[in-house]
C-alpha atoms as a PDB file:
ATOM      1  CA  MET A   1      -0.012   0.004  -0.005  1.00  0.00           C
ATOM      2  CA  THR A   2       1.121   3.553  -0.719  1.00  0.00           C
ATOM      3  CA  VAL A   3       1.664   5.712   2.361  1.00  0.00           C
ATOM      4  CA  VAL A   4       0.052   9.133   1.966  1.00  0.00           C
ATOM      5  CA  GLU A   5       2.515  12.004   2.244  1.00  0.00           C
ATOM      6  CA  ASP A   6       0.453  14.619   0.393  1.00  0.00           C
ATOM      7  CA  SER A   7      -0.973  17.080   2.899  1.00  0.00           C
ATOM      8  CA  THR A   8      -3.785  17.967   0.485  1.00  0.00           C
ATOM      9  CA  GLN A   9      -5.041  14.347   0.676  1.00  0.00           C
ATOM     10  CA  VAL A  10      -4.994  14.458   4.435  1.00  0.00           C
ATOM     11  CA  GLU A  11      -6.860  17.764   4.465  1.00  0.00           C
ATOM     12  CA  ALA A  12      -9.434  16.463   2.010  1.00  0.00           C
ATOM     13  CA  PHE A  13     -10.113  13.419   4.234  1.00  0.00           C
ATOM     14  CA  ILE A  14     -10.478  15.622   7.350  1.00  0.00           C
ATOM     15  CA  GLU A  15     -12.806  18.074   5.665  1.00  0.00           C
ATOM     16  CA  ARG A  16     -14.926  15.303   4.115  1.00  0.00           C
ATOM     17  CA  TRP A  17     -15.600  13.693   7.506  1.00  0.00           C
ATOM     18  CA  ARG A  18     -15.571  16.680   9.816  1.00  0.00           C
ATOM     19  CA  THR A  19     -19.310  17.377   9.424  1.00  0.00           C
ATOM     20  CA  SER A  20     -20.578  13.804   9.309  1.00  0.00           C
ATOM     21  CA  SER A  21     -23.308  12.880  11.760  1.00  0.00           C
ATOM     22  CA  GLY A  22     -26.172  10.529  12.358  1.00  0.00           C
ATOM     23  CA  ALA A  23     -26.050   7.231  10.534  1.00  0.00           C
ATOM     24  CA  GLU A  24     -23.349   5.270  12.342  1.00  0.00           C
ATOM     25  CA  ARG A  25     -23.616   2.112  10.260  1.00  0.00           C
ATOM     26  CA  ALA A  26     -23.934   3.957   6.980  1.00  0.00           C
ATOM     27  CA  ASN A  27     -20.917   6.177   7.740  1.00  0.00           C
ATOM     28  CA  PHE A  28     -18.479   3.926   9.595  1.00  0.00           C
ATOM     29  CA  GLN A  29     -17.507   1.520   6.834  1.00  0.00           C
ATOM     30  CA  PRO A  30     -16.691   4.201   4.219  1.00  0.00           C
ATOM     31  CA  PHE A  31     -14.908   6.215   6.901  1.00  0.00           C
ATOM     32  CA  ALA A  32     -12.813   3.220   7.941  1.00  0.00           C
ATOM     33  CA  GLY A  33     -12.029   2.306   4.352  1.00  0.00           C
ATOM     34  CA  GLU A  34     -10.833   5.820   3.542  1.00  0.00           C
ATOM     35  CA  LEU A  35      -8.849   5.908   6.793  1.00  0.00           C
ATOM     36  CA  CYS A  36      -7.071   2.724   5.737  1.00  0.00           C
ATOM     37  CA  ASP A  37      -6.173   4.413   2.426  1.00  0.00           C
ATOM     38  CA  LEU A  38      -4.904   7.459   4.335  1.00  0.00           C
ATOM     39  CA  ILE A  39      -2.569   5.500   6.615  1.00  0.00           C
ATOM     40  CA  GLY A  40      -1.431   3.142   3.837  1.00  0.00           C
ATOM     41  CA  VAL A  41      -2.901  -0.181   4.934  1.00  0.00           C
ATOM     42  CA  PRO A  42      -5.193  -2.602   3.047  1.00  0.00           C
ATOM     43  CA  ARG A  43      -8.904  -2.208   3.483  1.00  0.00           C
ATOM     44  CA  PRO A  44     -10.788  -4.968   5.333  1.00  0.00           C
ATOM     45  CA  ASP A  45     -11.476  -8.124   3.364  1.00  0.00           C
ATOM     46  CA  PRO A  46     -14.891  -8.422   1.687  1.00  0.00           C
ATOM     47  CA  SER A  47     -17.321 -10.900   3.092  1.00  0.00           C
ATOM     48  CA  ASP A  48     -17.823 -14.034   0.979  1.00  0.00           C
ATOM     49  CA  GLY A  49     -21.069 -14.930   2.712  1.00  0.00           C
ATOM     50  CA  SER A  50     -19.459 -17.638   4.863  1.00  0.00           C
ATOM     51  CA  ASP A  51     -19.404 -17.719   8.636  1.00  0.00           C
ATOM     52  CA  ALA A  52     -18.255 -14.235   9.648  1.00  0.00           C
ATOM     53  CA  SER A  53     -16.484 -15.705  12.712  1.00  0.00           C
ATOM     54  CA  LEU A  54     -13.799 -17.076  10.410  1.00  0.00           C
ATOM     55  CA  ASN A  55     -12.785 -13.698   8.987  1.00  0.00           C
ATOM     56  CA  PRO A  56      -9.439 -12.507  10.397  1.00  0.00           C
ATOM     57  CA  TYR A  57      -9.848  -8.950   9.062  1.00  0.00           C
ATOM     58  CA  ALA A  58     -13.337  -7.780   8.373  1.00  0.00           C
ATOM     59  CA  PHE A  59     -16.278  -5.582   9.157  1.00  0.00           C
ATOM     60  CA  GLU A  60     -19.104  -7.171  11.150  1.00  0.00           C
ATOM     61  CA  ARG A  61     -16.963 -10.020  12.486  1.00  0.00           C
ATOM     62  CA  GLY A  62     -19.259 -12.464  14.295  1.00  0.00           C
ATOM     63  CA  VAL A  63     -18.702 -13.582  17.881  1.00  0.00           C
ATOM     64  CA  ASP A  64     -20.634 -15.759  20.324  1.00  0.00           C
ATOM     65  CA  PHE A  65     -21.492 -14.570  23.843  1.00  0.00           C
ATOM     66  CA  LYS A  66     -22.014 -17.471  26.249  1.00  0.00           C
ATOM     67  CA  SER A  67     -24.019 -16.798  29.386  1.00  0.00           C
ATOM     68  CA  ALA A  68     -23.836 -18.590  32.728  1.00  0.00           C
ATOM     69  CA  ASP A  69     -26.906 -20.701  31.941  1.00  0.00           C
ATOM     70  CA  GLY A  70     -25.244 -22.048  28.804  1.00  0.00           C
ATOM     71  CA  THR A  71     -27.208 -20.058  26.278  1.00  0.00           C
ATOM     72  CA  THR A  72     -25.432 -18.373  23.383  1.00  0.00           C
ATOM     73  CA  THR A  73     -26.147 -15.014  21.788  1.00  0.00           C
ATOM     74  CA  LYS A  74     -24.640 -13.526  18.678  1.00  0.00           C
ATOM     75  CA  GLY A  75     -22.728 -10.299  18.346  1.00  0.00           C
ATOM     76  CA  ARG A  76     -20.822  -8.477  15.662  1.00  0.00           C
ATOM     77  CA  ILE A  77     -17.614  -6.452  15.919  1.00  0.00           C
ATOM     78  CA  ASP A  78     -17.734  -3.297  13.815  1.00  0.00           C
ATOM     79  CA  LEU A  79     -14.159  -3.911  12.634  1.00  0.00           C
ATOM     80  CA  TYR A  80     -11.742  -6.611  13.656  1.00  0.00           C
ATOM     81  CA  LYS A  81      -8.235  -7.613  12.742  1.00  0.00           C
ATOM     82  CA  LYS A  82      -6.849 -10.765  14.318  1.00  0.00           C
ATOM     83  CA  GLY A  83      -3.789 -10.169  16.422  1.00  0.00           C
ATOM     84  CA  CYS A  84      -4.210  -6.402  16.143  1.00  0.00           C
ATOM     85  CA  PHE A  85      -7.446  -4.828  17.363  1.00  0.00           C
ATOM     86  CA  VAL A  86     -11.143  -4.794  18.084  1.00  0.00           C
ATOM     87  CA  LEU A  87     -12.864  -1.558  16.985  1.00  0.00           C
ATOM     88  CA  GLU A  88     -16.235  -0.394  18.159  1.00  0.00           C
ATOM     89  CA  ALA A  89     -17.769   2.523  16.254  1.00  0.00           C
ATOM     90  CA  LYS A  90     -20.284   5.095  17.384  1.00  0.00           C
ATOM     91  CA  GLN A  91     -21.381   8.405  15.979  1.00  0.00           C
ATOM     92  CA  SER A  92     -22.483  11.197  18.252  1.00  0.00           C
ATOM     93  CA  ARG A  93     -25.627  12.889  17.071  1.00  0.00           C
ATOM     94  CA  MET A  94     -27.297  16.280  17.089  1.00  0.00           C
ATOM     95  CA  THR A  95     -30.133  16.822  19.556  1.00  0.00           C
ATOM     96  CA  GLY A  96     -33.378  15.713  17.972  1.00  0.00           C
ATOM     97  CA  GLY A  97     -31.679  13.283  15.627  1.00  0.00           C
ATOM     98  CA  ALA A  98     -31.857   9.507  15.734  1.00  0.00           C
ATOM     99  CA  LYS A  99     -30.478   8.106  18.979  1.00  0.00           C
ATOM    100  CA  ALA A 100     -29.784  11.601  20.326  1.00  0.00           C
ATOM    101  CA  LEU A 101     -28.259  11.648  23.789  1.00  0.00           C
ATOM    102  CA  ARG A 102     -29.887  13.551  26.640  1.00  0.00           C
ATOM    103  CA  GLY A 103     -27.995  16.772  27.293  1.00  0.00           C
ATOM    104  CA  GLN A 104     -26.275  16.512  23.935  1.00  0.00           C
ATOM    105  CA  SER A 105     -27.164  19.968  22.632  1.00  0.00           C
ATOM    106  CA  ASP A 106     -23.531  20.888  21.920  1.00  0.00           C
ATOM    107  CA  LEU A 107     -22.251  17.392  21.206  1.00  0.00           C
ATOM    108  CA  PHE A 108     -22.047  17.970  17.500  1.00  0.00           C
ATOM    109  CA  VAL A 109     -21.447  21.585  16.438  1.00  0.00           C
ATOM    110  CA  PRO A 110     -19.757  21.646  13.007  1.00  0.00           C
ATOM    111  CA  GLU A 111     -19.179  25.373  13.085  1.00  0.00           C
ATOM    112  CA  ALA A 112     -17.659  25.318  16.573  1.00  0.00           C
ATOM    113  CA  ASP A 113     -14.367  24.002  17.846  1.00  0.00           C
ATOM    114  CA  PRO A 114     -14.468  20.347  16.836  1.00  0.00           C
ATOM    115  CA  LEU A 115     -12.330  19.324  19.794  1.00  0.00           C
ATOM    116  CA  GLY A 116     -13.948  21.285  22.593  1.00  0.00           C
ATOM    117  CA  SER A 117     -17.676  20.827  22.067  1.00  0.00           C
ATOM    118  CA  ARG A 118     -17.761  17.042  22.331  1.00  0.00           C
ATOM    119  CA  ALA A 119     -14.716  16.354  24.449  1.00  0.00           C
ATOM    120  CA  SER A 120     -16.021  18.551  27.287  1.00  0.00           C
ATOM    121  CA  ASN A 121     -19.503  16.993  27.209  1.00  0.00           C
ATOM    122  CA  ARG A 122     -20.364  14.413  29.824  1.00  0.00           C
ATOM    123  CA  ALA A 123     -22.878  12.654  27.542  1.00  0.00           C
ATOM    124  CA  TRP A 124     -20.124  12.135  24.988  1.00  0.00           C
ATOM    125  CA  ASP A 125     -17.810  10.700  27.670  1.00  0.00           C
ATOM    126  CA  VAL A 126     -20.513   8.221  28.621  1.00  0.00           C
ATOM    127  CA  LEU A 127     -21.055   7.284  24.967  1.00  0.00           C
ATOM    128  CA  MET A 128     -17.350   6.556  24.536  1.00  0.00           C
ATOM    129  CA  MET A 129     -16.980   4.708  27.881  1.00  0.00           C
ATOM    130  CA  ASN A 130     -19.914   2.453  27.032  1.00  0.00           C
ATOM    131  CA  ALA A 131     -18.427   1.772  23.606  1.00  0.00           C
ATOM    132  CA  ARG A 132     -15.134   0.822  25.231  1.00  0.00           C
ATOM    133  CA  THR A 133     -16.898  -1.612  27.563  1.00  0.00           C
ATOM    134  CA  GLN A 134     -18.696  -3.085  24.543  1.00  0.00           C
ATOM    135  CA  ALA A 135     -15.385  -3.448  22.636  1.00  0.00           C
ATOM    136  CA  GLU A 136     -13.761  -5.207  25.558  1.00  0.00           C
ATOM    137  CA  GLY A 137     -16.722  -7.565  25.724  1.00  0.00           C
ATOM    138  CA  TYR A 138     -16.204  -8.444  22.072  1.00  0.00           C
ATOM    139  CA  ALA A 139     -12.480  -9.081  22.692  1.00  0.00           C
ATOM    140  CA  LYS A 140     -13.411 -11.451  25.516  1.00  0.00           C
ATOM    141  CA  ALA A 141     -15.876 -13.261  23.273  1.00  0.00           C
ATOM    142  CA  LEU A 142     -13.284 -14.036  20.562  1.00  0.00           C
ATOM    143  CA  PRO A 143     -12.288 -17.688  20.254  1.00  0.00           C
ATOM    144  CA  ALA A 144      -9.252 -18.670  22.295  1.00  0.00           C
ATOM    145  CA  SER A 145      -7.407 -19.530  19.069  1.00  0.00           C
ATOM    146  CA  ASP A 146      -7.508 -15.847  18.103  1.00  0.00           C
ATOM    147  CA  GLY A 147      -5.979 -14.689  21.382  1.00  0.00           C
ATOM    148  CA  TRP A 148      -6.508 -11.308  22.999  1.00  0.00           C
ATOM    149  CA  PRO A 149      -5.877  -8.430  20.592  1.00  0.00           C
ATOM    150  CA  PRO A 150      -3.313  -5.942  21.873  1.00  0.00           C
ATOM    151  CA  PHE A 151      -5.527  -2.964  21.045  1.00  0.00           C
ATOM    152  CA  VAL A 152      -9.109  -1.921  21.603  1.00  0.00           C
ATOM    153  CA  LEU A 153     -10.243   1.086  19.621  1.00  0.00           C
ATOM    154  CA  VAL A 154     -13.336   3.225  20.060  1.00  0.00           C
ATOM    155  CA  CYS A 155     -14.264   5.431  17.113  1.00  0.00           C
ATOM    156  CA  ASP A 156     -16.656   8.356  17.096  1.00  0.00           C
ATOM    157  CA  VAL A 157     -16.967   8.515  13.324  1.00  0.00           C
ATOM    158  CA  GLY A 158     -15.547  11.706  11.862  1.00  0.00           C
ATOM    159  CA  HIS A 159     -14.388  13.005  15.208  1.00  0.00           C
ATOM    160  CA  CYS A 160     -12.108  10.855  17.373  1.00  0.00           C
ATOM    161  CA  ILE A 161     -10.506   7.462  17.871  1.00  0.00           C
ATOM    162  CA  GLU A 162      -9.714   6.379  21.429  1.00  0.00           C
ATOM    163  CA  VAL A 163      -6.840   3.926  21.770  1.00  0.00           C
ATOM    164  CA  TYR A 164      -6.436   1.372  24.569  1.00  0.00           C
ATOM    165  CA  ALA A 165      -3.690  -1.260  24.775  1.00  0.00           C
ATOM    166  CA  ASP A 166      -2.874  -4.402  26.687  1.00  0.00           C
ATOM    167  CA  PHE A 167       0.275  -6.168  25.418  1.00  0.00           C
ATOM    168  CA  SER A 168       0.165  -8.896  28.062  1.00  0.00           C
ATOM    169  CA  GLY A 169      -2.042 -11.194  25.959  1.00  0.00           C
ATOM    170  CA  GLN A 170      -4.445 -11.568  28.898  1.00  0.00           C
ATOM    171  CA  GLY A 171      -6.925  -8.778  28.201  1.00  0.00           C
ATOM    172  CA  LYS A 172      -7.052  -7.703  31.835  1.00  0.00           C
ATOM    173  CA  ASN A 173      -5.837  -4.145  31.604  1.00  0.00           C
ATOM    174  CA  TYR A 174      -6.652  -2.231  28.432  1.00  0.00           C
ATOM    175  CA  ALA A 175      -5.151   1.134  29.327  1.00  0.00           C
ATOM    176  CA  GLN A 176      -5.073   4.490  27.584  1.00  0.00           C
ATOM    177  CA  PHE A 177      -2.300   4.451  24.966  1.00  0.00           C
ATOM    178  CA  PRO A 178       0.246   5.887  24.734  1.00  0.00           C
ATOM    179  CA  ASP A 179      -0.906   7.783  27.866  1.00  0.00           C
ATOM    180  CA  ARG A 180      -3.890   9.666  29.257  1.00  0.00           C
ATOM    181  CA  LYS A 181      -2.957  12.834  27.308  1.00  0.00           C
ATOM    182  CA  GLY A 182      -2.509  11.215  23.929  1.00  0.00           C
ATOM    183  CA  PHE A 183      -4.938   8.291  23.796  1.00  0.00           C
ATOM    184  CA  ARG A 184      -7.545  10.328  21.879  1.00  0.00           C
ATOM    185  CA  ILE A 185      -6.707  10.847  18.226  1.00  0.00           C
ATOM    186  CA  TYR A 186      -8.870  13.637  16.889  1.00  0.00           C
ATOM    187  CA  LEU A 187      -9.562  14.174  13.231  1.00  0.00           C
ATOM    188  CA  ASP A 188      -7.199  17.139  12.988  1.00  0.00           C
ATOM    189  CA  ASP A 189      -4.407  15.070  14.622  1.00  0.00           C
ATOM    190  CA  LEU A 190      -4.146  13.133  11.375  1.00  0.00           C
ATOM    191  CA  HIS A 191      -2.199  16.090   9.983  1.00  0.00           C
ATOM    192  CA  ASP A 192       0.711  14.719  12.061  1.00  0.00           C
ATOM    193  CA  PRO A 193       2.664  11.989  10.209  1.00  0.00           C
ATOM    194  CA  ALA A 194       3.630  10.435  13.576  1.00  0.00           C
ATOM    195  CA  ILE A 195      -0.058   9.913  14.396  1.00  0.00           C
ATOM    196  CA  ARG A 196      -0.668   8.251  11.027  1.00  0.00           C
ATOM    197  CA  ASP A 197       2.432   6.093  11.648  1.00  0.00           C
ATOM    198  CA  ARG A 198       1.002   5.057  15.011  1.00  0.00           C
ATOM    199  CA  LEU A 199      -2.321   4.024  13.442  1.00  0.00           C
ATOM    200  CA  ARG A 200      -0.495   2.156  10.679  1.00  0.00           C
ATOM    201  CA  ALA A 201       1.425   0.214  13.310  1.00  0.00           C
ATOM    202  CA  ILE A 202      -1.781  -0.635  15.161  1.00  0.00           C
ATOM    203  CA  TRP A 203      -3.081  -2.100  11.899  1.00  0.00           C
ATOM    204  CA  GLN A 204       0.086  -3.944  10.861  1.00  0.00           C
ATOM    205  CA  THR A 205       2.747  -4.288  13.573  1.00  0.00           C
ATOM    206  CA  PRO A 206       0.965  -3.614  16.881  1.00  0.00           C
ATOM    207  CA  TYR A 207       3.577  -5.194  19.144  1.00  0.00           C
ATOM    208  CA  ALA A 208       6.208  -2.822  17.779  1.00  0.00           C
ATOM    209  CA  LEU A 209       4.402  -0.214  19.892  1.00  0.00           C
ATOM    210  CA  ASP A 210       4.883  -2.206  23.128  1.00  0.00           C
ATOM    211  CA  PRO A 211       6.923   0.103  25.399  1.00  0.00           C
ATOM    212  CA  THR A 212       8.718  -2.820  27.044  1.00  0.00           C
ATOM    213  CA  ARG A 213       9.906  -4.111  23.663  1.00  0.00           C
ATOM    214  CA  ARG A 214      10.975  -0.652  22.592  1.00  0.00           C
ATOM    215  CA  SER A 215      12.803  -0.227  25.899  1.00  0.00           C
ATOM    216  CA  ALA A 216      14.640  -3.498  25.433  1.00  0.00           C
ATOM    217  CA  LYS A 217      15.554  -2.601  21.863  1.00  0.00           C
ATOM    218  CA  VAL A 218      16.831   0.903  22.736  1.00  0.00           C
ATOM    219  CA  THR A 219      18.779  -0.454  25.721  1.00  0.00           C
ATOM    220  CA  ARG A 220      20.408  -3.151  23.584  1.00  0.00           C
ATOM    221  CA  GLU A 221      21.396  -0.606  20.948  1.00  0.00           C
ATOM    222  CA  ILE A 222      22.959   1.743  23.520  1.00  0.00           C
ATOM    223  CA  SER A 223      24.739  -1.158  25.239  1.00  0.00           C
ATOM    224  CA  ALA A 224      26.209  -2.228  21.920  1.00  0.00           C
ATOM    225  CA  ARG A 225      27.541   1.273  21.263  1.00  0.00           C
ATOM    226  CA  LEU A 226      29.073   1.497  24.715  1.00  0.00           C
ATOM    227  CA  ALA A 227      30.653  -1.925  24.234  1.00  0.00           C
ATOM    228  CA  GLN A 228      32.407  -0.619  21.114  1.00  0.00           C
ATOM    229  CA  VAL A 229      33.808   2.327  23.079  1.00  0.00           C
ATOM    230  CA  SER A 230      34.831   0.073  25.966  1.00  0.00           C
ATOM    231  CA  LYS A 231      36.561  -2.339  23.625  1.00  0.00           C
ATOM    232  CA  GLY A 232      38.591   0.426  22.029  1.00  0.00           C
ATOM    233  CA  LEU A 233      39.652   1.946  25.354  1.00  0.00           C
ATOM    234  CA  GLU A 234      40.714  -1.366  26.855  1.00  0.00           C
ATOM    235  CA  ALA A 235      42.626  -2.229  23.687  1.00  0.00           C
ATOM    236  CA  ARG A 236      44.606   0.975  24.223  1.00  0.00           C
ATOM    237  CA  GLY A 237      45.584  -0.184  27.713  1.00  0.00           C
ATOM    238  CA  HIS A 238      43.002   1.482  29.971  1.00  0.00           C
ATOM    239  CA  ASN A 239      41.957  -0.354  33.107  1.00  0.00           C
ATOM    240  CA  ALA A 240      38.528  -2.061  32.726  1.00  0.00           C
ATOM    241  CA  GLU A 241      37.287  -0.560  36.024  1.00  0.00           C
ATOM    242  CA  ASP A 242      38.302   2.931  34.944  1.00  0.00           C
ATOM    243  CA  VAL A 243      36.612   2.455  31.607  1.00  0.00           C
ATOM    244  CA  ALA A 244      33.399   1.234  33.258  1.00  0.00           C
ATOM    245  CA  LEU A 245      33.283   4.215  35.629  1.00  0.00           C
ATOM    246  CA  PHE A 246      33.966   6.692  32.798  1.00  0.00           C
ATOM    247  CA  LEU A 247      31.129   5.222  30.696  1.00  0.00           C
ATOM    248  CA  MET A 248      28.766   5.177  33.689  1.00  0.00           C
ATOM    249  CA  ARG A 249      29.359   8.904  34.249  1.00  0.00           C
ATOM    250  CA  THR A 250      28.852   9.533  30.554  1.00  0.00           C
ATOM    251  CA  LEU A 251      25.575   7.595  30.616  1.00  0.00           C
ATOM    252  CA  PHE A 252      24.294   9.558  33.608  1.00  0.00           C
ATOM    253  CA  THR A 253      25.201  12.810  31.837  1.00  0.00           C
ATOM    254  CA  MET A 254      23.019  11.713  28.910  1.00  0.00           C
ATOM    255  CA  PHE A 255      20.205  10.883  31.281  1.00  0.00           C
ATOM    256  CA  ALA A 256      20.611  14.221  33.129  1.00  0.00           C
ATOM    257  CA  GLU A 257      20.256  16.078  29.865  1.00  0.00           C
ATOM    258  CA  ASP A 258      17.162  14.066  28.853  1.00  0.00           C
ATOM    259  CA  VAL A 259      15.336  14.822  32.112  1.00  0.00           C
ATOM    260  CA  ARG A 260      16.365  18.511  31.928  1.00  0.00           C
ATOM    261  CA  LEU A 261      18.826  18.467  34.845  1.00  0.00           C
ATOM    262  CA  LEU A 262      21.160  19.893  32.191  1.00  0.00           C
ATOM    263  CA  PRO A 263      20.089  22.398  29.556  1.00  0.00           C
ATOM    264  CA  GLU A 264      18.154  20.715  26.759  1.00  0.00           C
ATOM    265  CA  GLY A 265      20.343  19.341  23.974  1.00  0.00           C
ATOM    266  CA  CYS A 266      23.604  20.735  25.367  1.00  0.00           C
ATOM    267  CA  PHE A 267      25.467  17.442  25.810  1.00  0.00           C
ATOM    268  CA  THR A 268      24.179  15.766  22.651  1.00  0.00           C
ATOM    269  CA  GLY A 269      24.966  18.882  20.581  1.00  0.00           C
ATOM    270  CA  TRP A 270      28.441  19.065  22.050  1.00  0.00           C
ATOM    271  CA  LEU A 271      29.172  15.398  21.271  1.00  0.00           C
ATOM    272  CA  ASP A 272      28.205  16.101  17.667  1.00  0.00           C
ATOM    273  CA  ARG A 273      30.655  19.014  17.535  1.00  0.00           C
ATOM    274  CA  ALA A 274      33.328  17.096  19.431  1.00  0.00           C
ATOM    275  CA  ARG A 275      33.578  14.545  16.638  1.00  0.00           C
ATOM    276  CA  GLN A 276      35.151  17.285  14.541  1.00  0.00           C
ATOM    277  CA  ASN A 277      37.743  18.154  17.253  1.00  0.00           C
ATOM    278  CA  PRO A 278      38.379  14.951  19.246  1.00  0.00           C
ATOM    279  CA  GLU A 279      41.579  16.432  20.706  1.00  0.00           C
ATOM    280  CA  LYS A 280      39.414  18.839  22.767  1.00  0.00           C
ATOM    281  CA  PHE A 281      37.053  16.128  23.988  1.00  0.00           C
ATOM    282  CA  LYS A 282      38.886  15.239  27.215  1.00  0.00           C
ATOM    283  CA  PHE A 283      39.347  18.822  28.406  1.00  0.00           C
ATOM    284  CA  GLU A 284      35.850  20.095  27.604  1.00  0.00           C
ATOM    285  CA  LEU A 285      34.126  17.082  29.228  1.00  0.00           C
ATOM    286  CA  ALA A 286      36.318  17.405  32.309  1.00  0.00           C
ATOM    287  CA  GLN A 287      35.196  21.017  32.684  1.00  0.00           C
ATOM    288  CA  LEU A 288      31.508  20.024  32.442  1.00  0.00           C
ATOM    289  CA  TRP A 289      31.872  17.322  35.077  1.00  0.00           C
ATOM    290  CA  GLU A 290      33.720  19.695  37.357  1.00  0.00           C
ATOM    291  CA  ALA A 291      30.807  22.160  37.018  1.00  0.00           C
ATOM    292  CA  MET A 292      28.336  19.367  37.725  1.00  0.00           C
ATOM    293  CA  ASP A 293      30.315  18.382  40.867  1.00  0.00           C
ATOM    294  CA  LYS A 294      30.525  21.928  42.300  1.00  0.00           C
ATOM    295  CA  GLY A 295      27.737  23.796  40.503  1.00  0.00           C
ATOM    296  CA  GLY A 296      28.636  26.657  38.209  1.00  0.00           C
ATOM    297  CA  TYR A 297      29.226  27.704  34.627  1.00  0.00           C
ATOM    298  CA  ALA A 298      29.796  24.923  32.081  1.00  0.00           C
ATOM    299  CA  THR A 299      31.316  25.881  28.720  1.00  0.00           C
ATOM    300  CA  ILE A 300      29.625  22.958  26.987  1.00  0.00           C
ATOM    301  CA  ALA A 301      26.202  24.061  28.241  1.00  0.00           C
ATOM    302  CA  GLU A 302      26.947  27.778  27.845  1.00  0.00           C
ATOM    303  CA  ALA A 303      25.092  28.216  31.145  1.00  0.00           C
ATOM    304  CA  LYS A 304      25.361  27.623  34.868  1.00  0.00           C
ATOM    305  CA  VAL A 305      24.511  24.046  35.802  1.00  0.00           C
ATOM    306  CA  ARG A 306      23.235  22.814  39.147  1.00  0.00           C
ATOM    307  CA  ARG A 307      25.394  20.900  41.588  1.00  0.00           C
ATOM    308  CA  PHE A 308      25.003  17.140  41.500  1.00  0.00           C
ATOM    309  CA  ASN A 309      25.206  15.669  45.022  1.00  0.00           C
ATOM    310  CA  GLY A 310      26.918  12.432  45.935  1.00  0.00           C
ATOM    311  CA  SER A 311      30.463  13.133  44.706  1.00  0.00           C
ATOM    312  CA  PHE A 312      29.820  11.031  41.600  1.00  0.00           C
ATOM    313  CA  TYR A 313      31.625  13.644  39.494  1.00  0.00           C
ATOM    314  CA  LYS A 314      34.244  14.626  42.056  1.00  0.00           C
ATOM    315  CA  ALA A 315      37.731  14.374  40.511  1.00  0.00           C
ATOM    316  CA  ALA A 316      36.125  12.517  37.625  1.00  0.00           C
ATOM    317  CA  SER A 317      38.650  11.043  35.231  1.00  0.00           C
ATOM    318  CA  VAL A 318      37.987  11.622  31.519  1.00  0.00           C
ATOM    319  CA  LEU A 319      39.484   9.285  28.940  1.00  0.00           C
ATOM    320  CA  ASP A 320      40.605  10.308  25.458  1.00  0.00           C
ATOM    321  CA  LEU A 321      38.290   9.025  22.695  1.00  0.00           C
ATOM    322  CA  GLN A 322      38.785   8.728  18.999  1.00  0.00           C
ATOM    323  CA  ARG A 323      36.410  10.346  16.514  1.00  0.00           C
ATOM    324  CA  GLU A 324      34.438   7.125  15.861  1.00  0.00           C
ATOM    325  CA  GLU A 325      34.043   6.483  19.606  1.00  0.00           C
ATOM    326  CA  ILE A 326      32.686   9.967  20.188  1.00  0.00           C
ATOM    327  CA  GLY A 327      30.251   9.236  17.363  1.00  0.00           C
ATOM    328  CA  GLU A 328      29.060   6.139  19.249  1.00  0.00           C
ATOM    329  CA  LEU A 329      28.396   8.252  22.299  1.00  0.00           C
ATOM    330  CA  HIS A 330      26.601  10.830  20.213  1.00  0.00           C
ATOM    331  CA  ALA A 331      24.294   8.145  18.732  1.00  0.00           C
ATOM    332  CA  ALA A 332      23.581   6.846  22.249  1.00  0.00           C
ATOM    333  CA  ALA A 333      22.807  10.357  23.531  1.00  0.00           C
ATOM    334  CA  ARG A 334      20.219  10.862  20.810  1.00  0.00           C
ATOM    335  CA  ALA A 335      18.093   8.010  22.183  1.00  0.00           C
ATOM    336  CA  ASP A 336      14.896   8.730  24.102  1.00  0.00           C
ATOM    337  CA  TRP A 337      16.094   7.953  27.629  1.00  0.00           C
ATOM    338  CA  LYS A 338      12.535   7.478  28.842  1.00  0.00           C
ATOM    339  CA  GLU A 339      12.687   4.219  26.881  1.00  0.00           C
ATOM    340  CA  VAL A 340      16.006   3.039  28.365  1.00  0.00           C
ATOM    341  CA  ASP A 341      15.880   0.233  30.932  1.00  0.00           C
ATOM    342  CA  PRO A 342      17.312   1.497  34.285  1.00  0.00           C
ATOM    343  CA  ALA A 343      19.277  -1.755  34.458  1.00  0.00           C
ATOM    344  CA  ILE A 344      21.745  -0.160  32.046  1.00  0.00           C
ATOM    345  CA  PHE A 345      23.112   1.767  35.071  1.00  0.00           C
ATOM    346  CA  GLU A 346      23.857  -1.426  36.992  1.00  0.00           C
END
């Protein structure tokens, strides 16, 4: 599938669906199909008239609900993809329209702020919470052979997609994904390529979004880079313990920058520059660590830095690095340290 990069196509999709309302079933399938085109994934498979429960990627996927008394009732998932997600669709409606919600007078206001009117309305919250409960019920009703999907999606057609994830495979804790601030994807958010990439991954490679897997991958990559630096230093005769302590201090400096204990980007930017003048590396880093030990002006940061307690940087020894080794540190510093396993400091 072709991934859409043309902003005019994105805008056309948003404008087409911004003012939709009313007929949930009539609107959802064309909306979902066009969304698939927008994020560059195949559309759901057409039904061949056979048992819908066998379809791994389809609209109206059939499931059986079994009650305590042994009776079975039928249900249908609005959109399902095996191993990826269950999606339940709703469409909020104007007061007086079909299935209008009580107190919903400002739930759909095309001329008003499309984010504020519904998102601040309690009736809309209830609509979405009920849809989430319904979606989780469908996930539970899937045959054991399908397994628990990692994602549950709730779609208010033409307005918002709520994203919940449980990567455990047990379906016990579908939580807001990636967090409580970003779990709602509004129509206008589709302007952001990163949001479209996230939806594409939910459709195609959902477990790539598992934070624990990303953490392990990032940590392995950083560890591999540090191992290259360590290997080079030890080959030049440096004591293994001295090398380990030097790299540990370097790692903590990267972390301190990432959590804003140092000015944003100062250490990463300096490592980039230091590759061009490796002969200055030892002296400039020593001055930074001295400032971090005592508190004061750091040339690298071009600012005063706070004092780091614990004597970790007291009389810190800095080892000379070659250009390629500084490059390895620079690549490690560019990682998102929120995704690094704390065990790397052990």
